[in-house]
Amino acid sequence: MEVGGSAGFLVRLGWQIRGRVALGAMFGSLWFMGLAFMPFLISQAIDRGLQSRRPVALAGWAGAVLVLGVASAGLGIMRHRSMTKLRMTAALRTADLIMTHATRLGAALPRGVTAGEVVTIGISDVWTIGRAMNVGGVGVASTLAYTVVAVLLARTSGTLAVVVLAGVPVLVLLVGPLLRRTQRAGLRYRDRQGELNARLVDVLGGLRILNGLGGKDVYHGRYQVGSALLRDQGYRVGGPSSWIGALGGGLPVVFLGLVVWLAARQAAAGELTAGELVAVYGYTAMLVIPVDVMIFCAFDATRGLVAARRVVDFLKLPVDDPGGKAAPDGPATLRDPESGVVVEPDRLTALAGARPEESAAVIDRLGRYGPTDVTWGDRRLAEIAQAEVRARILVAEHDADLFAGPLREVVAGRDEPDDDLVSAAIRTAVAHDVAAELDRRVEWGGRNLSGGQRQRVRLARAVHADPELLLVVEPTSAVDAHTEAAIAERFTAARAGRGTVVATTSPVLLDHADVVHYLVDGRVAASGTHRALLAAQPGYRALVTRAFGDDA
């Protein structure tokens, strides 16, 4: 689906589900028509049956009123059902677009948008967009009903029809500025809502760590401040919104009083019959519904534009082109000209830098997450088909998500679980303490595991995948020294003969590396073995000893 702007997105979405829109408009129009013609039938029953004392004619018109009433009840049910299906279809279609795009973004998703923003879009915005589809359903029907009532009134009294038709521009003049204020305030409210949800997701995700550090009260206070700001912004949205609601209920009543007063004067002057007076009252009373619907359709459309803007911004997040050239026929060297890092296909390479984000940036470029000038053999990595890159180069981040399921399935990932291979990967990652049996249930995100266990399960999953080139970020930062030494020994043996890059400042892992690239300000300052760099590079020695003291 083409993205475009927020209004264009809503129009294209409505066109895609035009069948549902048409059904909603049809049943809504028929229901409104039933309401509009009811006063006409009642007026005929009064003038042609009751007032003229003709029982047969009265019974006929009364029967017509009964039939129309039953039909209106059925049409009301169908209108409600069709509009509910329309709103749900639009919301779920939007949710499907978001989920599809999030899947295409993959690991690039958290680099482009916060988890709180995604949650807000998926829970709040999609349903707001669904309500915006009211414009194409009951919105069209109410406009048609308003026109029909004006025509019926014109047959009775031209003056009354003019008064009713004049109500539309009055409505626009009164509600239009309020809608614009609501949209502006709604945009600010939506921005704050996404920021607050992002903070909430971060706090919940790190609650165990915050408890350990004693920082949960600080974050709780920050959340309270953000929540208060969101509440205040909500009041700014609620101000014009409440006036819109008041006008939606009050304006039709004003029209009702004005039209009935004019009709009563005409009836007293003999210009209207008793039946016509009743019909005029019925027409005007019926207008309360479509006028109210039109006002709230405009309100839904305004909120829908705000929500659509956030959805459009999300859908515009760039996705790597899945097409491209073929990858090298076999293992080849990766070179990152921006940092000077060179990764040989059959060696264990380590990246050590004072700032972890610099090493992570190199890993991102080597794994083709975001813009990159890295070459793979004699070809630019960015020009190679994404599917081939993902199949042969795996980036295993220290905070990668763990999906819920039995331990064997969590470790096996996309592969069919093989207990022997899974057990071997678990032994390599020294994750045997996670469970005695592979059937142990792992909750989403590894919430029932400790930080060290989660880290080792992630490492076991990466080892099990057995990619041609594995890029790992801080695989042992949450384990003790004894476990770290065992991981370094087993991991090195498991990856022998295959390319591996480890971003770390752990002296145990660095000592097992074939080559260490010492990074300063994101570039290679020196390369060599761990022991050679300790002897020749004071900055490297200070970095490692600062992180691990005498154990370095």
Protein backbone atom coordinates (compact mmCIF):
# COMPACT_ATOMS: atom_id res chain seq x y z
CA MET A 1 0.00 0.00 0.00
CA GLU A 2 1.34 3.44 -0.95
CA VAL A 3 1.93 5.52 2.18
CA GLY A 4 1.66 9.23 1.21
CA GLY A 5 0.29 11.69 3.77
CA SER A 6 -2.12 11.07 6.65
CA ALA A 7 -5.25 12.15 4.72
CA GLY A 8 -4.14 10.17 1.66
CA PHE A 9 -3.55 7.12 3.85
CA LEU A 10 -7.11 7.26 5.20
CA VAL A 11 -8.54 7.71 1.69
CA ARG A 12 -6.55 4.78 0.28
CA LEU A 13 -7.46 2.61 3.24
CA GLY A 14 -11.14 3.44 2.70
CA TRP A 15 -10.81 2.59 -1.00
CA GLN A 16 -9.23 -0.77 -0.18
CA ILE A 17 -12.21 -1.72 1.99
CA ARG A 18 -14.74 0.10 -0.19
CA GLY A 19 -17.12 -2.87 -0.01
CA ARG A 20 -17.42 -2.47 3.76
CA VAL A 21 -17.71 1.29 3.39
CA ALA A 22 -20.49 0.90 0.82
CA LEU A 23 -22.42 -1.52 3.07
CA GLY A 24 -22.12 0.84 6.03
CA ALA A 25 -23.28 3.79 3.92
CA MET A 26 -26.15 1.76 2.40
CA PHE A 27 -27.58 0.40 5.67
CA GLY A 28 -27.00 3.74 7.39
CA SER A 29 -28.81 5.59 4.59
CA LEU A 30 -31.75 3.14 4.57
CA TRP A 31 -32.04 3.42 8.35
CA PHE A 32 -32.00 7.22 8.21
CA MET A 33 -34.54 7.17 5.37
CA GLY A 34 -36.83 5.08 7.53
CA LEU A 35 -36.55 7.64 10.31
CA ALA A 36 -37.11 10.50 7.83
CA PHE A 37 -40.24 9.03 6.24
CA MET A 38 -41.85 8.05 9.52
CA PRO A 39 -43.13 11.62 10.23
CA PHE A 40 -44.53 11.76 6.68
CA LEU A 41 -46.54 8.56 7.22
CA ILE A 42 -47.80 9.79 10.59
CA SER A 43 -48.88 13.09 9.03
CA GLN A 44 -50.82 11.20 6.35
CA ALA A 45 -52.49 9.04 8.98
CA ILE A 46 -53.61 12.21 10.81
CA ASP A 47 -54.75 14.23 7.79
CA ARG A 48 -56.25 11.46 5.61
CA GLY A 49 -57.50 9.10 8.28
CA LEU A 50 -57.97 10.63 11.70
CA GLN A 51 -58.96 14.19 10.79
CA SER A 52 -61.23 13.12 7.91
CA ARG A 53 -62.72 10.27 10.03
CA ARG A 54 -61.89 7.50 7.55
CA PRO A 55 -61.12 4.33 9.58
CA VAL A 56 -59.96 2.30 6.56
CA ALA A 57 -57.47 4.96 5.47
CA LEU A 58 -56.33 5.39 9.09
CA ALA A 59 -55.76 1.66 9.41
CA GLY A 60 -53.79 1.60 6.13
CA TRP A 61 -51.51 4.43 7.10
CA ALA A 62 -51.10 3.02 10.63
CA GLY A 63 -50.11 -0.31 9.07
CA ALA A 64 -47.55 1.47 6.92
CA VAL A 65 -46.14 3.08 10.07
CA LEU A 66 -45.88 -0.36 11.70
CA VAL A 67 -44.16 -1.93 8.69
CA LEU A 68 -41.68 0.95 8.45
CA GLY A 69 -41.00 0.71 12.18
CA VAL A 70 -40.18 -3.00 11.96
CA ALA A 71 -38.03 -2.41 8.88
CA SER A 72 -36.20 0.44 10.63
CA ALA A 73 -35.46 -1.83 13.58
CA GLY A 74 -33.92 -4.44 11.26
CA LEU A 75 -32.01 -1.78 9.33
CA GLY A 76 -30.71 -0.35 12.60
CA ILE A 77 -29.27 -3.74 13.51
CA MET A 78 -27.65 -4.11 10.08
CA ARG A 79 -26.30 -0.55 10.26
CA HIS A 80 -24.65 -1.25 13.59
CA ARG A 81 -23.21 -4.57 12.44
CA SER A 82 -21.89 -3.23 9.13
CA MET A 83 -20.28 -0.20 10.80
CA THR A 84 -18.69 -2.36 13.49
CA LYS A 85 -17.22 -4.64 10.81
CA LEU A 86 -16.04 -1.59 8.85
CA ARG A 87 -14.21 -0.12 11.84
CA MET A 88 -12.68 -3.47 12.79
CA THR A 89 -11.60 -4.22 9.21
CA ALA A 90 -9.90 -0.82 8.90
CA ALA A 91 -8.16 -1.21 12.28
CA LEU A 92 -6.98 -4.76 11.59
CA ARG A 93 -5.88 -3.88 8.05
CA THR A 94 -3.77 -1.06 9.52
CA ALA A 95 -2.41 -3.37 12.22
CA ASP A 96 -1.46 -5.87 9.51
CA LEU A 97 0.45 -3.15 7.62
CA ILE A 98 2.29 -2.20 10.81
CA MET A 99 3.15 -5.81 11.66
CA THR A 100 4.34 -6.53 8.12
CA HIS A 101 6.53 -3.44 8.07
CA ALA A 102 7.91 -4.22 11.54
CA THR A 103 8.83 -7.70 10.32
CA ARG A 104 10.60 -6.25 7.29
CA LEU A 105 12.52 -3.84 9.50
CA GLY A 106 13.65 -6.71 11.71
CA ALA A 107 16.54 -5.78 13.97
CA ALA A 108 16.52 -2.27 12.48
CA LEU A 109 13.16 -1.60 14.18
CA PRO A 110 14.48 -0.52 17.62
CA ARG A 111 17.03 1.68 15.85
CA GLY A 112 14.26 3.70 14.20
CA VAL A 113 11.45 3.86 16.77
CA THR A 114 10.95 3.18 20.47
CA ALA A 115 9.06 0.14 21.73
CA GLY A 116 6.57 2.46 23.46
CA GLU A 117 5.75 4.16 20.16
CA VAL A 118 5.12 0.81 18.49
CA VAL A 119 2.86 -0.24 21.38
CA THR A 120 0.89 3.01 21.16
CA ILE A 121 0.46 2.67 17.41
CA GLY A 122 -0.62 -0.96 17.65
CA ILE A 123 -3.03 -0.51 20.55
CA SER A 124 -4.39 3.04 20.23
CA ASP A 125 -3.83 4.46 16.76
CA VAL A 126 -5.17 1.54 14.73
CA TRP A 127 -8.55 1.71 16.49
CA THR A 128 -8.67 5.49 16.14
CA ILE A 129 -8.14 5.03 12.40
CA GLY A 130 -10.95 2.46 12.43
CA ARG A 131 -13.31 5.04 13.91
CA ALA A 132 -12.29 7.53 11.23
CA MET A 133 -13.99 5.21 8.71
CA ASN A 134 -17.31 6.40 10.18
CA VAL A 135 -17.04 9.28 7.71
CA GLY A 136 -17.45 6.96 4.75
CA GLY A 137 -20.28 5.00 6.35
CA VAL A 138 -22.74 6.79 8.63
CA GLY A 139 -21.15 10.13 7.72
CA VAL A 140 -22.33 9.80 4.13
CA ALA A 141 -25.67 8.41 5.32
CA SER A 142 -26.30 11.30 7.73
CA THR A 143 -25.49 13.86 5.01
CA LEU A 144 -27.94 12.15 2.68
CA ALA A 145 -30.58 12.03 5.43
CA TYR A 146 -30.13 15.75 6.13
CA THR A 147 -30.68 16.51 2.44
CA VAL A 148 -33.78 14.30 2.21
CA VAL A 149 -35.34 15.95 5.27
CA ALA A 150 -34.67 19.38 3.76
CA VAL A 151 -36.48 18.27 0.55
CA LEU A 152 -39.44 16.93 2.54
CA LEU A 153 -39.64 20.18 4.49
CA ALA A 154 -39.47 22.15 1.24
CA ARG A 155 -42.65 20.36 0.08
CA THR A 156 -44.31 21.46 3.30
CA SER A 157 -42.77 24.92 3.79
CA GLY A 158 -39.96 26.59 1.88
CA THR A 159 -39.19 28.83 4.84
CA LEU A 160 -38.63 25.87 7.14
CA ALA A 161 -36.39 24.15 4.56
CA VAL A 162 -34.22 27.28 4.29
CA VAL A 163 -33.84 27.41 8.07
CA VAL A 164 -32.75 23.76 8.20
CA LEU A 165 -30.30 24.10 5.29
CA ALA A 166 -28.81 27.22 6.89
CA GLY A 167 -27.86 25.06 9.85
CA VAL A 168 -24.96 23.41 7.97
CA PRO A 169 -22.83 26.55 7.44
CA VAL A 170 -23.61 27.60 11.01
CA LEU A 171 -22.38 24.18 12.13
CA VAL A 172 -19.16 24.53 10.15
CA LEU A 173 -18.49 28.01 11.54
CA LEU A 174 -18.95 26.84 15.12
CA VAL A 175 -17.30 23.41 15.00
CA GLY A 176 -14.50 24.05 12.47
CA PRO A 177 -12.21 26.09 14.77
CA LEU A 178 -12.79 23.60 17.58
CA LEU A 179 -11.76 20.72 15.33
CA ARG A 180 -8.55 22.51 14.36
CA ARG A 181 -7.73 23.16 18.02
CA THR A 182 -8.46 19.52 18.82
CA GLN A 183 -6.12 18.34 16.06
CA ARG A 184 -3.25 20.56 17.20
CA ALA A 185 -3.67 19.56 20.84
CA GLY A 186 -4.12 15.92 19.80
CA LEU A 187 -0.80 15.90 17.96
CA ARG A 188 1.02 17.14 21.05
CA TYR A 189 -0.88 14.69 23.24
CA ARG A 190 0.01 11.81 20.94
CA ASP A 191 3.72 12.75 21.01
CA ARG A 192 3.75 12.78 24.80
CA GLN A 193 1.78 9.53 24.93
CA GLY A 194 4.40 7.75 22.80
CA GLU A 195 7.24 9.12 24.94
CA LEU A 196 5.54 8.06 28.18
CA ASN A 197 4.79 4.57 26.89
CA ALA A 198 8.42 4.23 25.78
CA ARG A 199 9.53 5.10 29.30
CA LEU A 200 7.07 2.61 30.77
CA VAL A 201 8.32 -0.18 28.50
CA ASP A 202 11.93 0.62 29.42
CA VAL A 203 11.14 0.60 33.14
CA LEU A 204 9.22 -2.68 32.98
CA GLY A 205 11.97 -4.27 30.89
CA GLY A 206 14.66 -3.22 33.37
CA LEU A 207 12.66 -3.51 36.59
CA ARG A 208 14.83 -6.28 37.99
CA ILE A 209 17.98 -4.25 37.35
CA LEU A 210 16.40 -1.12 38.83
CA ASN A 211 15.47 -3.06 41.95
CA GLY A 212 19.05 -4.23 42.31
CA LEU A 213 20.46 -0.74 41.83
CA GLY A 214 17.85 0.91 44.00
CA GLY A 215 16.81 3.24 41.21
CA LYS A 216 13.18 2.30 40.79
CA ASP A 217 11.96 5.22 42.95
CA VAL A 218 13.84 7.68 40.72
CA TYR A 219 12.26 6.27 37.56
CA HIS A 220 8.88 6.12 39.28
CA GLY A 221 9.18 9.81 40.04
CA ARG A 222 10.12 10.58 36.43
CA TYR A 223 7.16 8.58 35.21
CA GLN A 224 4.84 10.47 37.55
CA VAL A 225 6.10 13.78 36.16
CA GLY A 226 5.63 12.56 32.57
CA SER A 227 2.17 11.22 33.43
CA ALA A 228 1.16 14.57 34.93
CA LEU A 229 2.31 16.38 31.78
CA LEU A 230 0.32 13.94 29.65
CA ARG A 231 -2.73 14.48 31.85
CA ASP A 232 -2.45 18.25 31.46
CA GLN A 233 -2.14 17.87 27.70
CA GLY A 234 -5.20 15.62 27.80
CA TYR A 235 -7.13 18.46 29.45
CA ARG A 236 -6.13 20.67 26.52
CA VAL A 237 -7.53 18.08 24.14
CA GLY A 238 -10.63 17.62 26.28
CA GLY A 239 -11.52 21.34 26.27
CA PRO A 240 -12.44 21.71 22.59
CA SER A 241 -13.61 18.09 22.52
CA SER A 242 -16.19 18.81 25.22
CA TRP A 243 -17.46 21.82 23.28
CA ILE A 244 -17.80 19.64 20.20
CA GLY A 245 -19.89 17.19 22.24
CA ALA A 246 -22.01 20.01 23.63
CA LEU A 247 -22.64 21.42 20.16
CA GLY A 248 -23.44 17.95 18.86
CA GLY A 249 -26.21 17.61 21.43
CA GLY A 250 -27.24 21.27 21.70
CA LEU A 251 -27.38 22.64 18.16
CA PRO A 252 -30.02 20.20 16.92
CA VAL A 253 -32.20 21.13 19.90
CA VAL A 254 -31.87 24.81 18.97
CA PHE A 255 -32.94 23.99 15.41
CA LEU A 256 -35.77 21.92 16.78
CA GLY A 257 -37.07 24.80 18.89
CA LEU A 258 -36.72 27.36 16.09
CA VAL A 259 -38.37 25.21 13.41
CA VAL A 260 -41.24 24.11 15.69
CA TRP A 261 -41.87 27.75 16.66
CA LEU A 262 -42.03 28.79 13.00
CA ALA A 263 -44.21 25.79 12.12
CA ALA A 264 -46.60 26.52 15.00
CA ARG A 265 -47.03 30.09 13.78
CA GLN A 266 -47.75 28.83 10.26
CA ALA A 267 -50.24 26.27 11.61
CA ALA A 268 -52.00 29.00 13.65
CA ALA A 269 -52.21 31.09 10.47
CA GLY A 270 -53.78 28.16 8.62
CA GLU A 271 -50.78 27.62 6.36
CA LEU A 272 -50.11 24.11 7.76
CA THR A 273 -52.50 21.30 8.65
CA ALA A 274 -52.35 19.44 11.95
CA GLY A 275 -50.69 16.49 10.23
CA GLU A 276 -48.11 18.72 8.55
CA LEU A 277 -47.32 20.35 11.90
CA VAL A 278 -46.70 16.89 13.42
CA ALA A 279 -44.57 15.97 10.39
CA VAL A 280 -42.47 19.12 10.73
CA TYR A 281 -41.88 18.33 14.39
CA GLY A 282 -40.95 14.74 13.48
CA TYR A 283 -38.56 15.82 10.71
CA THR A 284 -36.81 18.29 12.96
CA ALA A 285 -36.60 15.89 15.91
CA MET A 286 -35.18 13.23 13.59
CA LEU A 287 -32.47 15.70 12.47
CA VAL A 288 -30.96 15.52 15.96
CA ILE A 289 -29.44 12.15 15.02
CA PRO A 290 -27.77 12.94 11.65
CA VAL A 291 -26.51 16.34 12.85
CA ASP A 292 -24.99 14.71 15.91
CA VAL A 293 -23.47 11.98 13.71
CA MET A 294 -21.96 14.54 11.31
CA ILE A 295 -20.33 16.44 14.17
CA PHE A 296 -18.81 13.32 15.68
CA CYS A 297 -17.75 12.00 12.29
CA ALA A 298 -15.79 15.22 11.86
CA PHE A 299 -14.31 14.69 15.33
CA ASP A 300 -13.40 11.06 14.49
CA ALA A 301 -11.80 12.20 11.24
CA THR A 302 -9.72 14.80 13.09
CA ARG A 303 -8.45 12.22 15.57
CA GLY A 304 -7.96 9.77 12.71
CA LEU A 305 -5.66 12.22 10.93
CA VAL A 306 -3.53 12.49 14.07
CA ALA A 307 -3.30 8.70 14.37
CA ALA A 308 -2.69 8.25 10.64
CA ARG A 309 0.22 10.65 10.80
CA ARG A 310 1.97 8.43 13.36
CA VAL A 311 1.22 5.30 11.33
CA VAL A 312 2.51 6.95 8.14
CA ASP A 313 5.71 8.03 9.91
CA PHE A 314 6.23 4.44 11.03
CA LEU A 315 5.54 2.98 7.59
CA LYS A 316 8.07 5.41 6.10
CA LEU A 317 10.91 3.97 8.16
CA PRO A 318 13.33 2.72 5.47
CA VAL A 319 13.57 -0.98 4.76
CA ASP A 320 16.60 -2.52 3.14
CA ASP A 321 16.05 -3.53 -0.47
CA PRO A 322 15.76 -7.35 -0.36
CA GLY A 323 17.12 -7.58 -3.89
CA GLY A 324 20.71 -7.15 -4.95
CA LYS A 325 23.78 -8.88 -6.25
CA ALA A 326 25.03 -12.32 -5.35
CA ALA A 327 27.27 -12.79 -2.30
CA PRO A 328 30.82 -14.19 -2.60
CA ASP A 329 30.87 -17.88 -3.47
CA GLY A 330 32.60 -18.79 -0.22
CA PRO A 331 33.89 -17.23 3.01
CA ALA A 332 35.44 -13.82 2.32
CA THR A 333 37.00 -10.94 4.23
CA LEU A 334 34.86 -8.12 5.61
CA ARG A 335 36.40 -4.63 5.58
CA ASP A 336 34.91 -1.55 7.21
CA PRO A 337 36.66 1.53 5.76
CA GLU A 338 35.01 3.86 8.27
CA SER A 339 36.71 2.20 11.25
CA GLY A 340 39.53 0.31 9.58
CA VAL A 341 38.32 -3.01 11.01
CA VAL A 342 39.22 -6.11 8.95
CA VAL A 343 37.51 -9.43 9.66
CA GLU A 344 39.05 -12.60 8.27
CA PRO A 345 36.62 -15.46 7.55
CA ASP A 346 38.45 -18.13 9.59
CA ARG A 347 39.60 -16.15 12.63
CA LEU A 348 38.26 -14.91 15.95
CA THR A 349 38.39 -11.10 15.84
CA ALA A 350 37.76 -8.91 18.88
CA LEU A 351 36.78 -5.25 19.03
CA ALA A 352 37.78 -3.39 22.20
CA GLY A 353 36.87 0.23 22.80
CA ALA A 354 36.26 2.53 25.75
CA ARG A 355 32.78 3.36 24.46
CA PRO A 356 30.59 0.30 23.78
CA GLU A 357 28.43 2.24 21.31
CA GLU A 358 31.44 2.62 18.99
CA SER A 359 32.00 -1.13 18.84
CA ALA A 360 28.25 -1.68 18.39
CA ALA A 361 28.27 0.78 15.46
CA VAL A 362 31.02 -1.24 13.77
CA ILE A 363 29.02 -4.44 14.34
CA ASP A 364 25.95 -2.78 12.79
CA ARG A 365 27.89 -1.84 9.67
CA LEU A 366 29.47 -5.28 9.38
CA GLY A 367 26.02 -6.87 9.72
CA ARG A 368 24.40 -4.38 7.30
CA TYR A 369 22.05 -2.72 9.71
CA GLY A 370 21.76 0.82 8.42
CA PRO A 371 24.02 2.64 5.94
CA THR A 372 27.35 0.88 5.38
CA ASP A 373 30.40 1.07 3.13
CA VAL A 374 31.65 -2.35 4.21
CA THR A 375 33.00 -4.64 1.50
CA TRP A 376 32.58 -8.41 1.51
CA GLY A 377 35.38 -9.81 -0.57
CA ASP A 378 35.41 -7.70 -3.72
CA ARG A 379 31.76 -6.58 -3.40
CA ARG A 380 29.99 -3.86 -1.45
CA LEU A 381 27.92 -5.39 1.33
CA ALA A 382 25.07 -2.90 0.75
CA GLU A 383 24.65 -4.14 -2.85
CA ILE A 384 24.33 -7.83 -1.98
CA ALA A 385 20.87 -9.39 -1.70
CA GLN A 386 19.67 -8.99 1.87
CA ALA A 387 18.51 -12.60 2.10
CA GLU A 388 22.04 -13.83 1.41
CA VAL A 389 23.54 -11.46 3.97
CA ARG A 390 21.09 -12.56 6.66
CA ALA A 391 21.62 -16.25 5.83
CA ARG A 392 25.40 -16.07 6.19
CA ILE A 393 26.11 -13.20 8.62
CA LEU A 394 24.43 -13.24 12.03
CA VAL A 395 24.49 -10.35 14.52
CA ALA A 396 23.81 -11.55 18.09
CA GLU A 397 23.20 -8.54 20.35
CA HIS A 398 23.39 -8.73 24.13
CA ASP A 399 19.81 -7.50 24.51
CA ALA A 400 18.23 -9.53 21.70
CA ASP A 401 14.70 -10.73 22.51
CA LEU A 402 13.96 -14.25 23.65
CA PHE A 403 10.63 -15.67 22.48
CA ALA A 404 8.40 -17.71 24.74
CA GLY A 405 8.44 -21.49 24.46
CA PRO A 406 10.28 -24.63 25.54
CA LEU A 407 14.03 -24.16 25.97
CA ARG A 408 14.82 -26.42 22.99
CA GLU A 409 12.69 -24.26 20.66
CA VAL A 410 14.12 -21.02 22.05
CA VAL A 411 17.67 -22.20 21.39
CA ALA A 412 16.87 -23.80 18.01
CA GLY A 413 15.30 -20.58 16.73
CA ARG A 414 14.04 -20.97 13.17
CA ASP A 415 15.52 -24.47 12.83
CA GLU A 416 13.73 -27.70 13.68
CA PRO A 417 14.89 -28.61 17.22
CA ASP A 418 17.49 -31.38 17.42
CA ASP A 419 18.12 -32.25 21.06
CA ASP A 420 21.75 -33.22 20.48
CA LEU A 421 22.57 -29.96 18.69
CA VAL A 422 20.62 -27.91 21.22
CA SER A 423 22.39 -29.60 24.12
CA ALA A 424 25.77 -29.01 22.48
CA ALA A 425 25.00 -25.30 22.07
CA ILE A 426 23.88 -25.06 25.69
CA ARG A 427 27.13 -26.70 26.84
CA THR A 428 29.16 -24.27 24.73
CA ALA A 429 27.36 -21.32 26.33
CA VAL A 430 27.68 -22.93 29.80
CA ALA A 431 23.90 -22.57 30.14
CA HIS A 432 23.33 -26.00 31.71
CA ASP A 433 22.02 -24.38 34.91
CA VAL A 434 19.05 -22.90 33.04
CA ALA A 435 17.20 -26.22 33.06
CA ALA A 436 17.84 -29.90 33.64
CA GLU A 437 15.42 -30.71 30.83
CA LEU A 438 14.99 -29.06 27.43
CA ASP A 439 11.22 -28.89 28.01
CA ARG A 440 11.56 -26.08 30.53
CA ARG A 441 9.27 -23.20 29.61
CA VAL A 442 10.99 -19.89 28.90
CA GLU A 443 8.73 -16.85 29.24
CA TRP A 444 8.77 -14.04 26.69
CA GLY A 445 11.92 -11.98 27.05
CA GLY A 446 13.33 -14.60 29.45
CA ARG A 447 11.50 -12.97 32.33
CA ASN A 448 11.73 -16.16 34.41
CA LEU A 449 15.53 -16.27 33.95
CA SER A 450 18.30 -14.29 35.59
CA GLY A 451 20.31 -11.77 33.59
CA GLY A 452 23.23 -14.15 33.24
CA GLN A 453 20.98 -17.02 32.17
CA ARG A 454 19.31 -14.88 29.52
CA GLN A 455 22.70 -13.87 28.18
CA ARG A 456 23.90 -17.45 27.94
CA VAL A 457 20.67 -18.64 26.29
CA ARG A 458 21.15 -15.92 23.67
CA LEU A 459 24.71 -17.10 23.12
CA ALA A 460 23.55 -20.73 22.87
CA ARG A 461 21.01 -19.68 20.22
CA ALA A 462 23.73 -17.91 18.23
CA VAL A 463 26.07 -20.91 18.48
CA HIS A 464 23.28 -23.27 17.41
CA ALA A 465 22.60 -21.16 14.30
CA ASP A 466 26.22 -21.85 13.26
CA PRO A 467 26.46 -18.99 10.71
CA GLU A 468 29.37 -18.51 8.35
CA LEU A 469 30.17 -15.25 10.18
CA LEU A 470 28.97 -14.57 13.72
CA LEU A 471 29.07 -11.06 15.21
CA VAL A 472 28.55 -11.07 18.99
CA VAL A 473 28.18 -8.06 21.30
CA GLU A 474 29.29 -8.45 24.96
CA PRO A 475 28.41 -12.15 25.35
CA THR A 476 29.79 -12.51 28.92
CA SER A 477 29.11 -9.18 30.63
CA ALA A 478 26.58 -10.70 33.07
CA VAL A 479 28.44 -13.84 34.20
CA ASP A 480 31.07 -14.54 36.84
CA ALA A 481 34.77 -14.99 36.07
CA HIS A 482 34.70 -18.80 36.33
CA THR A 483 31.78 -19.09 33.91
CA GLU A 484 33.35 -16.53 31.60
CA ALA A 485 36.56 -18.56 31.37
CA ALA A 486 34.60 -21.71 30.52
CA ILE A 487 32.58 -19.85 27.86
CA ALA A 488 35.72 -18.41 26.28
CA GLU A 489 37.31 -21.87 26.04
CA ARG A 490 34.26 -23.67 24.66
CA PHE A 491 33.08 -20.86 22.39
CA THR A 492 36.51 -20.58 20.77
CA ALA A 493 36.56 -24.32 20.14
CA ALA A 494 33.01 -24.36 18.76
CA ARG A 495 33.75 -21.55 16.28
CA ALA A 496 37.13 -22.86 15.16
CA GLY A 497 37.61 -22.43 11.42
CA ARG A 498 34.72 -19.98 11.05
CA GLY A 499 34.69 -16.20 11.16
CA THR A 500 33.68 -14.66 14.50
CA VAL A 501 33.69 -11.08 15.76
CA VAL A 502 33.30 -10.32 19.47
CA ALA A 503 32.79 -6.78 20.78
CA THR A 504 34.09 -6.94 24.35
CA THR A 505 36.56 -5.62 26.92
CA SER A 506 36.79 -8.95 28.74
CA PRO A 507 40.48 -9.94 29.02
CA VAL A 508 39.48 -13.62 29.03
CA LEU A 509 37.77 -13.36 25.63
CA LEU A 510 40.39 -10.95 24.29
CA ASP A 511 43.14 -13.41 25.18
CA HIS A 512 41.47 -16.10 23.02
CA ALA A 513 41.13 -13.79 19.99
CA ASP A 514 43.39 -14.27 16.98
CA VAL A 515 43.45 -10.50 16.49
CA VAL A 516 42.18 -7.60 18.61
CA HIS A 517 41.29 -4.23 17.08
CA TYR A 518 41.73 -1.49 19.68
CA LEU A 519 39.21 1.29 18.85
CA VAL A 520 39.67 4.94 19.75
CA ASP A 521 36.91 7.34 18.69
CA GLY A 522 35.43 4.62 16.50
CA ARG A 523 38.60 3.88 14.52
CA VAL A 524 41.31 1.24 14.81
CA ALA A 525 44.20 2.69 16.80
CA ALA A 526 46.15 -0.57 16.93
CA SER A 527 45.73 -4.24 16.05
CA GLY A 528 47.40 -7.38 17.34
CA THR A 529 47.06 -10.05 19.97
CA HIS A 530 45.78 -9.21 23.41
CA ARG A 531 49.17 -9.71 25.02
CA ALA A 532 50.98 -7.68 22.37
CA LEU A 533 48.57 -4.76 22.79
CA LEU A 534 48.93 -4.91 26.58
CA ALA A 535 52.68 -4.52 26.17
CA ALA A 536 52.66 -1.87 23.44
CA GLN A 537 49.50 0.23 23.99
CA PRO A 538 49.11 2.07 27.31
CA GLY A 539 45.58 3.15 26.37
CA TYR A 540 44.53 -0.43 25.69
CA ARG A 541 46.15 -1.61 28.92
CA ALA A 542 44.33 1.13 30.86
CA LEU A 543 41.04 0.21 29.21
CA VAL A 544 41.26 -3.47 30.13
CA THR A 545 42.62 -2.96 33.64
CA ARG A 546 40.03 -0.26 34.35
CA ALA A 547 37.27 -2.69 33.43
CA PHE A 548 38.66 -5.80 35.12
CA GLY A 549 41.42 -4.74 37.49
CA ASP A 550 44.23 -7.16 38.20
CA ASP A 551 42.44 -9.99 36.36
CA ALA A 552 43.48 -8.35 33.11
